[in-house]
Structures are given as structure tokens and as C-alpha cells.
């Protein structure tokens, strides 16, 4: 019931702002909480939520984290502040320094670059660090153990099941030979996925064609340079690629190149198909970890959550499939959920 009231308030706030008749303040309004407010709560327990940048995947996770904390904790006992790192390493570092100076109790980090920065900033302190959507937290040196995290860091992993994605690409097109991969060389998660994709592609007899980018602005040029060389493109959890999905999907549809995505939000934003974690659930699971730690549980007793293969769901985008004139076997479509907007 509490969640229904909150959702109703958010709808009314949005409508009022559009009509110019009303506005909603940050924090509480008549006993409800706007989860989109930058600062929520009035208590002494300090919680920070820091995301790497703004795009559909990370925004979904952020909303789910904040919504779950609002549901689980009394706003009189905490103050939650949200920060957007804007994909700027300097800004993220400054944010961590500020949170450290402010003796923040729990820092929730969305995406690998933020988790790495938080690990460095809060090592040896009493601040609890909870990460969300770090695909390979061990390789990124965020934790040394998934089952019994040491120190003050734990969280959720959105590890990509590349084997299932390649298997899916083969089921759609058994004649597939050349797999494309666009990624950011500066993102540890993307480099780790590239390394794994090299091995898996070789094992399956595929040729891997890769291109690096440094920002979303490069996606048009890079995508146009690779499409003539590939039969399909794999998209993992790279933040720059995810933020450019609407542009990338337009190019791939025009060239009739299938696009297999590792995030449900990327398929919402135009990607063709893929196996994915439910990112809203990942956000809720991350928030639940933070709540456990706030309640006094030891980090060592809160293992990193890694989603099993059977926890992934198959999604597709009917607009991409139709406009690119790609035939998907009915046995796959019958198991998949359409995320076309």
C-alpha cells in the first residue's frame, strides 16, 4: 500500500509540473517520499547513492535502490543523497573525498568505475561500500572473495553470460561467422568481457571483430566502420555503448545487423535481443544489502550476489526485428518478452 501511495504521488507530481499547476519538493510531501528527489530523509544515518553516468540501465538501478530504501527504512532515521558522476573520473573522485570528509555511513556505487573509486577512497574506514552492477568485481579488484567479502565492500554483480548470448546468435543465424564488439577501453568491466569474448569466440569458431570508443559521441563513426565486417554485434554492460543505444540500434537496423544485448534496458532503448538480469531486481537486491549493513550485519556475512544463468530472462525488441527484417525462430520468440516502446 505504501508503494502505491508513492507511485500515485509521483504521477500527480509529474502531471502538475507539466501543467504548471503544482510542484513537488525534495523529500517528504504529505507523508510520502519522492524517490526522484536528490535528498531524501531527515535522519542522522548518512547514505549516498553514486552512479557513474545517466542512462537507462543505471537510472533503473538507481530508482530501484532508492525506492527499496524508502520502503524499508524510516526516513526520520536517515538522509540519502544522490550523485551523478557524469562519467567524469575527476568528479567521481571529488565526490568520494567529500563523502569521506562527511563521514558517510553507507556509499552505494552504481557501475564498476564508481565502485573502484569508492574502494580506494574508503579502504580502512568504517564506511560500508555496496556496489551495484559490477560485472567482474574480483578482476576489477573491488573484492577478493565473492562468498566472504573482506574489509568494507560487497554488492551485486551483473556478470554477462556471454556463452548464452553467442548461443542465441547462432540459433538465430546458424551461418554466423563474424561477431562484432564495441567497447570502452577505459572500463574494466568492458575489457574483462572483451577478454572472455575472445576466448569463447575462438572456441565456437567465430571471428571476433572489435572496436574501442572513449565516449558515446564516437558510436556513429565506429558502428559504421564495423557493420560491413560482421554478421552480428554483441553489446555487454559498457556504459558508453549503453548510453548510445538509440543511435547504435538505428544504424544496425539500417544495415540489418542483429544486436544481442546483455541488459534489458539496452533492449528497451533499441537493441534486438538478449538474455539479461532484471535490473530493477538488481537494484532492489543491492538496497537490501545496504539495509542489512545499516542494521548491523557484517560485510563479511553479506556475500556478493552473482545471478545464476537460470535467473536471466530472454527479451527482444519487435521494432528492431520488424524494421531490420530479421527472422527469429518461433521457439525463441515464444519464450521472450517484447520490450519495444
Protein backbone atom coordinates (compact mmCIF):
# COMPACT_ATOMS: atom_id res chain seq x y z
CA UNK A 1 0.00 0.00 0.00
CA UNK A 2 2.83 2.37 0.89
CA UNK A 3 4.36 1.83 -2.56
CA UNK A 4 1.01 2.50 -4.26
CA UNK A 5 0.74 5.86 -2.49
CA UNK A 6 4.30 6.77 -3.56
CA UNK A 7 3.65 5.85 -7.17
CA UNK A 8 0.45 7.88 -7.15
CA UNK A 9 2.26 10.90 -5.77
CA UNK A 10 4.98 10.64 -8.45
CA UNK A 11 2.34 10.56 -11.19
CA UNK A 12 0.49 13.55 -9.70
CA UNK A 13 3.74 15.49 -9.30
CA UNK A 14 4.71 14.88 -12.91
CA UNK A 15 1.27 15.91 -14.13
CA UNK A 16 1.32 19.04 -12.01
CA UNK A 17 4.73 20.08 -13.28
CA UNK A 18 3.64 19.60 -16.89
CA UNK A 19 0.53 21.70 -16.37
CA UNK A 20 2.35 24.34 -14.39
CA UNK A 21 -0.18 23.93 -11.59
CA UNK A 22 1.94 22.30 -8.92
CA UNK A 23 5.43 21.16 -7.97
CA UNK A 24 6.85 18.60 -5.59
CA UNK A 25 9.58 19.36 -3.14
CA UNK A 26 12.58 17.16 -2.37
CA UNK A 27 11.93 14.76 0.46
CA UNK A 28 8.52 14.40 2.11
CA UNK A 29 5.21 15.68 0.85
CA UNK A 30 2.13 14.94 2.98
CA UNK A 31 3.69 11.77 4.36
CA UNK A 32 5.01 10.45 1.05
CA UNK A 33 8.50 10.43 -0.43
CA UNK A 34 9.55 11.40 -3.95
CA UNK A 35 12.29 8.92 -4.88
CA UNK A 36 13.47 11.24 -7.65
CA UNK A 37 14.42 13.92 -5.13
CA UNK A 38 18.16 14.50 -4.77
CA UNK A 39 17.98 14.45 -0.97
CA UNK A 40 15.57 12.22 0.94
CA UNK A 41 15.08 11.82 4.67
CA UNK A 42 15.98 13.85 7.74
CA UNK A 43 17.89 11.40 9.94
CA UNK A 44 21.46 11.04 11.12
CA UNK A 45 22.37 7.88 9.19
CA UNK A 46 24.11 9.16 6.03
CA UNK A 47 23.55 7.21 2.82
CA UNK A 48 24.95 8.21 -0.57
CA UNK A 49 23.99 6.74 -3.96
CA UNK A 50 26.57 7.48 -6.65
CA UNK A 51 26.04 6.41 -10.26
CA UNK A 52 28.65 6.56 -12.99
CA UNK A 53 26.50 8.41 -15.51
CA UNK A 54 22.90 8.84 -16.57
CA UNK A 55 21.49 6.27 -18.99
CA UNK A 56 18.53 3.87 -18.88
CA UNK A 57 20.30 0.92 -17.20
CA UNK A 58 21.90 2.93 -14.41
CA UNK A 59 18.81 5.11 -13.91
CA UNK A 60 16.67 1.99 -13.50
CA UNK A 61 19.07 0.65 -10.90
CA UNK A 62 19.20 3.98 -9.06
CA UNK A 63 15.40 4.30 -8.91
CA UNK A 64 15.07 0.72 -7.62
CA UNK A 65 17.74 1.24 -4.96
CA UNK A 66 16.22 4.44 -3.68
CA UNK A 67 12.67 3.09 -3.83
CA UNK A 68 13.64 0.00 -1.83
CA UNK A 69 15.44 2.03 0.84
CA UNK A 70 12.45 4.34 1.13
CA UNK A 71 10.22 1.28 1.60
CA UNK A 72 12.49 -0.49 4.10
CA UNK A 73 13.75 2.36 6.30
CA UNK A 74 12.12 5.15 8.27
CA UNK A 75 13.06 8.45 6.62
CA UNK A 76 13.43 10.03 10.07
CA UNK A 77 16.46 7.80 10.67
CA UNK A 78 18.49 8.51 7.53
CA UNK A 79 19.45 11.14 4.97
CA UNK A 80 20.01 9.80 1.45
CA UNK A 81 21.76 11.93 -1.17
CA UNK A 82 22.08 11.04 -4.87
CA UNK A 83 25.08 11.92 -7.04
CA UNK A 84 25.66 11.64 -10.80
CA UNK A 85 29.33 11.13 -11.73
CA UNK A 86 28.70 12.26 -15.33
CA UNK A 87 31.31 9.69 -16.49
CA UNK A 88 33.95 12.07 -15.12
CA UNK A 89 36.71 10.35 -13.11
CA UNK A 90 37.75 13.63 -11.51
CA UNK A 91 34.22 14.44 -10.40
CA UNK A 92 33.72 10.93 -9.01
CA UNK A 93 36.99 11.17 -7.06
CA UNK A 94 35.96 14.57 -5.64
CA UNK A 95 32.58 13.14 -4.67
CA UNK A 96 34.24 10.27 -2.78
CA UNK A 97 36.56 12.68 -0.97
CA UNK A 98 33.59 14.80 0.07
CA UNK A 99 31.64 11.76 1.29
CA UNK A 100 34.67 10.61 3.25
CA UNK A 101 35.08 14.03 4.89
CA UNK A 102 31.39 13.97 5.75
CA UNK A 103 31.75 10.55 7.47
CA UNK A 104 29.11 8.97 5.24
CA UNK A 105 27.89 5.68 6.73
CA UNK A 106 26.98 3.80 3.52
CA UNK A 107 28.02 4.56 -0.05
CA UNK A 108 26.12 2.71 -2.79
CA UNK A 109 28.08 2.69 -6.06
CA UNK A 110 26.38 2.07 -9.39
CA UNK A 111 28.77 0.68 -12.05
CA UNK A 112 32.36 -0.53 -11.96
CA UNK A 113 34.26 2.80 -12.23
CA UNK A 114 32.42 4.19 -9.20
CA UNK A 115 32.99 1.00 -7.20
CA UNK A 116 36.72 1.13 -7.93
CA UNK A 117 36.88 4.79 -6.81
CA UNK A 118 34.92 4.03 -3.63
CA UNK A 119 37.10 1.05 -2.76
CA UNK A 120 40.19 3.27 -2.95
CA UNK A 121 38.61 6.14 -1.02
CA UNK A 122 37.13 4.17 1.87
CA UNK A 123 39.67 1.40 2.44
CA UNK A 124 40.36 1.08 6.17
CA UNK A 125 37.39 3.27 7.17
CA UNK A 126 34.08 2.47 8.88
CA UNK A 127 32.09 3.43 5.78
CA UNK A 128 30.26 0.50 4.19
CA UNK A 129 30.54 0.35 0.40
CA UNK A 130 27.83 -1.51 -1.54
CA UNK A 131 28.27 -1.76 -5.30
CA UNK A 132 25.65 -2.41 -7.97
CA UNK A 133 26.18 -3.77 -11.48
CA UNK A 134 29.90 -4.59 -11.30
CA UNK A 135 30.30 -7.38 -13.83
CA UNK A 136 33.60 -8.78 -12.55
CA UNK A 137 34.31 -7.41 -9.05
CA UNK A 138 37.30 -9.71 -8.46
CA UNK A 139 39.11 -8.81 -11.69
CA UNK A 140 38.36 -5.14 -11.01
CA UNK A 141 39.96 -5.54 -7.55
CA UNK A 142 36.80 -4.36 -5.83
CA UNK A 143 36.65 -7.55 -3.71
CA UNK A 144 38.96 -10.51 -3.30
CA UNK A 145 36.21 -13.02 -2.47
CA UNK A 146 32.63 -13.25 -3.69
CA UNK A 147 31.45 -15.57 -0.93
CA UNK A 148 33.07 -13.81 2.04
CA UNK A 149 33.96 -10.22 1.15
CA UNK A 150 36.81 -8.81 3.21
CA UNK A 151 37.00 -5.28 4.54
CA UNK A 152 34.04 -2.99 3.96
CA UNK A 153 32.89 -3.75 0.38
CA UNK A 154 30.17 -6.04 -1.05
CA UNK A 155 27.39 -5.74 -3.62
CA UNK A 156 25.72 -7.16 -6.72
CA UNK A 157 27.29 -8.33 -9.97
CA UNK A 158 25.71 -8.09 -13.41
CA UNK A 159 28.14 -10.61 -14.89
CA UNK A 160 27.30 -11.17 -18.55
CA UNK A 161 26.61 -14.72 -19.71
CA UNK A 162 28.46 -14.36 -23.00
CA UNK A 163 28.10 -18.06 -23.76
CA UNK A 164 24.30 -17.73 -23.79
CA UNK A 165 24.49 -14.61 -25.98
CA UNK A 166 26.69 -16.35 -28.56
CA UNK A 167 24.46 -19.42 -28.43
CA UNK A 168 21.46 -17.17 -29.07
CA UNK A 169 23.18 -15.52 -32.04
CA UNK A 170 23.88 -18.96 -33.52
CA UNK A 171 20.26 -20.10 -33.05
CA UNK A 172 19.02 -17.05 -34.96
CA UNK A 173 21.63 -17.47 -37.70
CA UNK A 174 23.44 -20.85 -37.87
CA UNK A 175 25.64 -19.43 -40.66
CA UNK A 176 27.08 -16.71 -38.45
CA UNK A 177 30.85 -16.29 -38.68
CA UNK A 178 31.91 -12.78 -37.64
CA UNK A 179 30.98 -11.33 -34.24
CA UNK A 180 31.38 -7.61 -33.55
CA UNK A 181 32.09 -5.99 -30.19
CA UNK A 182 32.28 -2.26 -29.43
CA UNK A 183 33.59 -1.29 -26.01
CA UNK A 184 35.29 1.36 -23.92
CA UNK A 185 38.95 0.55 -23.35
CA UNK A 186 38.93 2.54 -20.10
CA UNK A 187 36.16 0.48 -18.45
CA UNK A 188 37.50 -2.51 -16.54
CA UNK A 189 34.20 -4.38 -16.95
CA UNK A 190 34.25 -3.96 -20.73
CA UNK A 191 37.87 -5.07 -21.04
CA UNK A 192 37.13 -8.16 -18.93
CA UNK A 193 34.18 -9.01 -21.19
CA UNK A 194 36.36 -8.50 -24.27
CA UNK A 195 38.93 -10.97 -22.93
CA UNK A 196 36.22 -13.56 -22.26
CA UNK A 197 34.60 -12.94 -25.63
CA UNK A 198 37.93 -13.56 -27.39
CA UNK A 199 38.20 -16.99 -25.77
CA UNK A 200 34.58 -18.00 -26.33
CA UNK A 201 34.53 -16.81 -29.95
CA UNK A 202 37.64 -18.84 -30.73
CA UNK A 203 36.16 -21.93 -29.05
CA UNK A 204 32.99 -21.64 -31.14
CA UNK A 205 34.81 -20.94 -34.40
CA UNK A 206 33.72 -17.29 -34.70
CA UNK A 207 35.95 -14.41 -35.77
CA UNK A 208 35.80 -11.50 -33.31
CA UNK A 209 35.93 -8.01 -34.78
CA UNK A 210 36.36 -5.35 -32.09
CA UNK A 211 36.43 -1.57 -31.94
CA UNK A 212 37.11 0.73 -28.99
CA UNK A 213 35.47 4.02 -28.13
CA UNK A 214 36.18 6.63 -25.47
CA UNK A 215 32.78 8.35 -25.41
CA UNK A 216 29.22 7.91 -26.73
CA UNK A 217 29.90 10.60 -29.34
CA UNK A 218 32.10 8.15 -31.27
CA UNK A 219 29.44 5.48 -31.68
CA UNK A 220 28.19 6.56 -35.13
CA UNK A 221 31.62 6.56 -36.76
CA UNK A 222 32.70 3.31 -35.10
CA UNK A 223 29.44 1.48 -35.81
CA UNK A 224 29.54 2.46 -39.46
CA UNK A 225 33.13 1.23 -39.68
CA UNK A 226 32.33 -2.23 -38.32
CA UNK A 227 28.95 -3.19 -39.79
CA UNK A 228 30.32 -4.31 -43.17
CA UNK A 229 32.65 -6.75 -41.40
CA UNK A 230 30.24 -8.54 -39.05
CA UNK A 231 27.18 -10.78 -39.01
CA UNK A 232 26.05 -9.68 -35.53
CA UNK A 233 27.05 -7.29 -32.74
CA UNK A 234 27.37 -8.19 -29.06
CA UNK A 235 26.62 -5.44 -26.53
CA UNK A 236 27.54 -6.06 -22.89
CA UNK A 237 27.35 -3.64 -19.94
CA UNK A 238 29.58 -0.93 -21.36
CA UNK A 239 28.26 2.42 -20.14
CA UNK A 240 29.20 4.49 -23.18
CA UNK A 241 27.66 1.97 -25.56
CA UNK A 242 24.53 1.65 -23.41
CA UNK A 243 24.03 5.41 -23.38
CA UNK A 244 24.28 5.46 -27.19
CA UNK A 245 21.90 2.53 -27.83
CA UNK A 246 19.20 4.55 -29.65
CA UNK A 247 21.81 5.77 -32.16
CA UNK A 248 23.53 2.39 -32.43
CA UNK A 249 20.28 0.49 -32.99
CA UNK A 250 19.25 2.87 -35.78
CA UNK A 251 22.48 2.14 -37.63
CA UNK A 252 22.21 -1.62 -37.08
CA UNK A 253 18.58 -1.71 -38.24
CA UNK A 254 19.52 0.12 -41.43
CA UNK A 255 22.37 -2.34 -42.06
CA UNK A 256 20.19 -5.31 -40.96
CA UNK A 257 22.79 -6.43 -38.39
CA UNK A 258 21.37 -8.27 -35.33
CA UNK A 259 22.31 -6.80 -31.96
CA UNK A 260 22.46 -9.08 -28.90
CA UNK A 261 22.35 -7.14 -25.63
CA UNK A 262 23.18 -8.11 -22.05
CA UNK A 263 20.85 -5.60 -20.38
CA UNK A 264 17.07 -5.40 -20.56
CA UNK A 265 17.33 -1.60 -20.63
CA UNK A 266 19.54 -1.75 -23.75
CA UNK A 267 16.81 -3.71 -25.50
CA UNK A 268 14.25 -1.13 -24.33
CA UNK A 269 16.49 1.51 -25.92
CA UNK A 270 16.52 -0.26 -29.28
CA UNK A 271 18.71 -3.38 -29.10
CA UNK A 272 17.37 -6.51 -30.76
CA UNK A 273 17.51 -9.39 -28.29
CA UNK A 274 19.36 -10.93 -25.38
CA UNK A 275 19.46 -12.71 -22.05
CA UNK A 276 19.51 -10.27 -19.16
CA UNK A 277 19.21 -9.78 -15.45
CA UNK A 278 16.18 -7.79 -14.39
CA UNK A 279 17.94 -4.53 -13.50
CA UNK A 280 15.11 -3.35 -11.27
CA UNK A 281 15.54 -6.50 -9.18
CA UNK A 282 19.30 -5.97 -9.10
CA UNK A 283 18.68 -2.50 -7.67
CA UNK A 284 16.35 -3.85 -5.00
CA UNK A 285 18.81 -6.61 -4.07
CA UNK A 286 21.59 -4.02 -3.74
CA UNK A 287 19.44 -1.83 -1.49
CA UNK A 288 18.54 -4.83 0.67
CA UNK A 289 22.26 -5.46 1.24
CA UNK A 290 22.71 -1.85 2.32
CA UNK A 291 19.75 -2.15 4.70
CA UNK A 292 21.28 -5.28 6.24
CA UNK A 293 24.57 -3.46 6.83
CA UNK A 294 22.80 -0.44 8.30
CA UNK A 295 21.07 -2.88 10.64
CA UNK A 296 24.44 -4.04 11.95
CA UNK A 297 25.26 -7.06 9.79
CA UNK A 298 28.95 -7.58 9.00
CA UNK A 299 30.11 -7.10 5.40
CA UNK A 300 31.82 -10.48 5.65
CA UNK A 301 28.39 -12.07 6.16
CA UNK A 302 26.85 -10.42 3.07
CA UNK A 303 28.24 -12.28 0.02
CA UNK A 304 28.38 -10.69 -3.39
CA UNK A 305 25.22 -11.50 -5.33
CA UNK A 306 26.00 -13.12 -8.68
CA UNK A 307 22.94 -14.05 -10.73
CA UNK A 308 22.79 -17.60 -12.00
CA UNK A 309 22.10 -18.43 -15.61
CA UNK A 310 18.56 -19.58 -14.75
CA UNK A 311 17.85 -16.15 -13.25
CA UNK A 312 18.28 -14.46 -16.62
CA UNK A 313 15.29 -13.81 -18.86
CA UNK A 314 15.09 -13.61 -22.65
CA UNK A 315 13.96 -10.25 -24.06
CA UNK A 316 13.55 -8.87 -27.57
CA UNK A 317 12.52 -5.68 -29.37
CA UNK A 318 9.85 -6.28 -32.01
CA UNK A 319 10.53 -2.90 -33.65
CA UNK A 320 14.14 -3.85 -34.34
CA UNK A 321 13.19 -7.32 -35.59
CA UNK A 322 10.50 -5.97 -37.91
CA UNK A 323 12.42 -2.99 -39.31
CA UNK A 324 15.65 -4.94 -39.81
CA UNK A 325 13.67 -7.79 -41.43
CA UNK A 326 15.33 -10.43 -39.27
CA UNK A 327 13.66 -13.80 -38.78
CA UNK A 328 13.67 -15.06 -35.18
CA UNK A 329 12.79 -18.74 -34.65
CA UNK A 330 9.36 -19.08 -33.08
CA UNK A 331 10.74 -21.27 -30.30
CA UNK A 332 12.78 -18.27 -29.12
CA UNK A 333 10.02 -15.70 -29.56
CA UNK A 334 7.62 -17.84 -27.53
CA UNK A 335 9.99 -17.63 -24.55
CA UNK A 336 10.90 -13.94 -24.94
CA UNK A 337 9.30 -10.77 -23.62
CA UNK A 338 8.89 -7.85 -26.03
CA UNK A 339 10.39 -4.61 -24.61
CA UNK A 340 9.68 -2.41 -27.64
CA UNK A 341 8.50 1.04 -26.60
